[in-house]
Protein backbone atom coordinates (compact mmCIF):
# COMPACT_ATOMS: atom_id res chain seq x y z
CA MET A 1 0.00 0.00 0.00
CA LEU A 2 1.41 3.39 -1.00
CA SER A 3 1.15 6.20 1.50
CA THR A 4 0.05 9.60 0.32
CA LEU A 5 2.33 12.50 1.20
CA ARG A 6 0.63 15.37 2.93
CA TYR A 7 1.54 19.02 2.51
CA ASP A 8 0.79 22.11 4.55
CA ILE A 9 -0.61 25.39 3.26
CA ASP A 10 2.77 26.63 1.92
CA GLY A 11 3.39 23.40 0.01
CA SER A 12 5.97 22.02 2.46
CA ALA A 13 5.94 18.31 3.21
CA ILE A 14 4.29 17.66 6.58
CA GLY A 15 6.66 15.91 8.96
CA ALA A 16 9.81 16.90 7.05
CA HIS A 17 12.44 18.26 9.44
CA HIS A 18 14.01 21.59 8.46
CA ASP A 19 15.87 24.05 10.66
CA ILE A 20 15.27 27.19 8.57
CA PRO A 21 11.70 28.55 8.39
CA VAL A 22 9.87 29.42 5.17
CA GLY A 23 10.49 33.06 4.19
CA THR A 24 14.01 33.23 5.66
CA PRO A 25 16.73 34.81 3.48
CA VAL A 26 19.62 32.34 3.04
CA ARG A 27 23.14 32.07 1.67
CA VAL A 28 23.90 29.07 -0.54
CA THR A 29 27.37 27.50 -0.76
CA ARG A 30 28.05 24.89 -3.44
CA GLY A 31 31.36 23.10 -3.75
CA GLY A 32 32.89 25.52 -1.25
CA VAL A 33 31.84 28.56 -3.31
CA VAL A 34 29.32 31.04 -1.93
CA GLN A 35 26.70 31.75 -4.58
CA ALA A 36 25.77 35.38 -5.28
CA TRP A 37 22.08 34.58 -5.02
CA ASP A 38 19.36 36.68 -3.40
CA VAL A 39 17.10 33.81 -2.31
CA VAL A 40 14.59 32.99 0.43
CA VAL A 41 13.24 29.65 1.64
CA PHE A 42 10.04 29.01 -0.31
CA ARG A 43 9.20 25.43 0.73
CA HIS A 44 10.50 22.44 2.70
CA ASP A 45 10.71 19.27 0.62
CA ARG A 46 10.30 15.75 2.01
CA ASN A 47 13.86 14.65 1.24
CA GLY A 48 15.38 17.29 3.52
CA THR A 49 16.05 19.80 0.75
CA TYR A 50 14.94 23.40 0.61
CA ARG A 51 13.10 24.92 -2.33
CA LEU A 52 14.43 28.47 -2.66
CA ARG A 53 12.92 31.42 -4.53
CA PHE A 54 15.04 34.07 -6.21
CA VAL A 55 13.70 37.38 -4.89
CA GLU A 56 13.97 39.42 -8.09
CA ALA A 57 13.36 36.78 -10.78
CA GLY A 58 10.66 34.75 -9.05
CA THR A 59 12.33 31.54 -10.21
CA TYR A 60 13.32 28.60 -8.02
CA VAL A 61 16.26 26.36 -7.15
CA THR A 62 16.62 23.39 -4.80
CA ALA A 63 19.45 23.15 -2.27
CA HIS A 64 20.49 20.52 0.26
CA ALA A 65 20.43 21.43 3.95
CA ASP A 66 24.24 21.41 4.17
CA GLU A 67 24.40 24.05 1.40
CA VAL A 68 22.05 26.53 3.08
CA GLU A 69 22.76 29.02 5.88
CA ALA A 70 20.22 31.47 7.32
CA LEU A 71 21.13 35.15 7.06
CA ALA A 72 20.63 37.32 10.11
């Protein structure tokens, strides 16, 4: 029997553990290089990744938890 994933109002997977709240501005580092991206957390995905939204462009990118750091 397949279980159906449930999502909350912002589209995040219910029960997925994420440390950074939706709407938080973040810095993304990939391969040791800080990306010059102006992004915020848009959604929490079930596999522990973050769906990020580019502030100006309104486009999206996915990043792993170890690539994302909340900005103060």
